[in-house]
C-alpha cells in the first residue's frame, strides 16, 4: 500500500470455498479484515463553494450533503473515485447516486431520501456507475434510506459488480418496487440489513438476480411481496450459484418469505448450491397459494434448480391457509432440522414441473405442525423419485398425515404421524417405496395403499391411540 492508502495491485482478500477471491479493500474493510485506507489530500477543489464542504480527516474524506444537489454529490464521488469517503447529513436524492469502482461509502451519519420516481435498475436511489461493463470493489456501510410519497423505485440497483459489500443499511420506506436488486454480481456480502417496507405485490425485499458467491447474513427483511427472491428470469441472466443465507428473519405480507424461481425464458441459466441456515420466516397475512418457501422450476429439459439446502429453518404459518414449503420441479433438495408450525394449509408440497419429476428430495428430522383448524394434508408428494422422508413429526392435520401419489423409489421411515383426520400414510400409485418403522398415533386409518401401488415394503409401522 502506498502512502495515500491505495491498494497495491494483486493484494488478495478472503477466499470462498471454491478458491475465488472476494473483493479487495472495499469488501475486507466492511467485514473487519482490512482497515480503511488513508485519504489523499490533493489541494483545492475547482468547484469553489462545494469544495468548502469537503473535509479531509486522517482516514476518510467527508462530504456534508445537506442542501447539495444530487449532481453535486455525483461529481464529488467521481472526483474521489477509488477512495474511502463519508457522506454526512440528510440528502433528498433527485436522481441515482453513482458509486465507482474501489469506492467505500460510509453513511453512518447520513439519511438518503428518495425524491424522484423511476422504475428499473438504473433508476435506483444508489447504483454502481457502469451497469454495462460493470464495476469492482464497492462498499456501502450503515445509513438510513426512505422514499417520499409517490417516489416509486428501488433503493439499490447493482449490476455486474465483482466484489461488493453492503453492511448495516436501514430502509424504512420503498414504494412500488424492490428494495434492492443485485444482478449478475459476484463475491457479495450483504450483512446486518434492516429493511422494512412494502404492503403489496411487486414490493419485494432483497432480490438476487443471477450471479455467484453471495453471503446474506444477520439481516431482517419485511416486505409486501417476496422478502428474499433468488431468480433467473431472462436470457441475459447469468446462473445464480453459491448463495449462503444465514441467521436472518424474513417476513412477507402478500407472498413468500423465500422464493427460488427459474423462468422458462432463462433457458441457459439455473440456480444451484444455495444454503439457508438458521432462518426464521413469518407470514402475518398469508393467503392461499402463498408459501413460506417456494421453489419454482419452469425450465424445460434438465432441472434448473438443484442442490438446495435448508438447515434449522423455522416457518410460522399462522397468518393464513398457505403452504409451508412448495417445491415445483427441481432436484437434490435437502431439508434438515426445520420446523413448519401453525399450518392451516399443506405444510410441504412437492410436485413435477414440465413433465419432469422432482428427484432427490430428502427431508429429515423436521416437524410439520398444523393448527387445530387445518383440514388439509400435512405432506403431499406427487411425481417424486428417489425421495427420503426420515424421522419426521407430522401432527394435527384434518386429512392424511403424509400422502404420496405417483411416486417411485423412496424411503419413508422412523416418522411419527399424530392426530390426522384421514390415513396416517396414504399411498396412491406408489411403487418401490419402503415404509418402515413409523408410529401412527390417533389417526383415522394407519397405512392405506390404493390405485396401482406395487413393490412397496410396509413393515413395523406401529398404530396406537392417545
Foldseek 3Di string as FASTA:
>chain_A
DDQQQADDPPDFADADPVGDTAFPDQQCCVVPNHPFGFHDDDDADPVPPQSVQWDHDGGEIEGEQVPPALVSQQVVQVVVALHEYEYADEHAYAFAREHAANYEYEDARYEYEDDAADEDLRGANYEHPDQPVEHERYEYEAYEYAYDPPRAYENYRYHRYGHYEYYHYEYDYHPQAENYEYAQYENYEYYNYEYAYEAAPRHEYYEYEAHYAYEAENYEFEYAEAPYEYEHEACPGAAAEDYEYEHYEFEYAEAEPYEYEYAQRNQPYAYEHYEYYQYEYEYQAYEAPHENYEYYFQHPDDFRYEHYEYYAYEYEAQNYAYEHYEAETYEQYEYYQYEYEQHQYAHYEYAYHPPHAYENAEYENYEFYYDLNHQYEHYEHERYEAYEAYAYEFERHAEEPYEYELYEHYEAEPYEYYQYNYEPYEYENYEQYEHEHYEYENYPHYYYYDHPYDHYHYYNYHYYYD
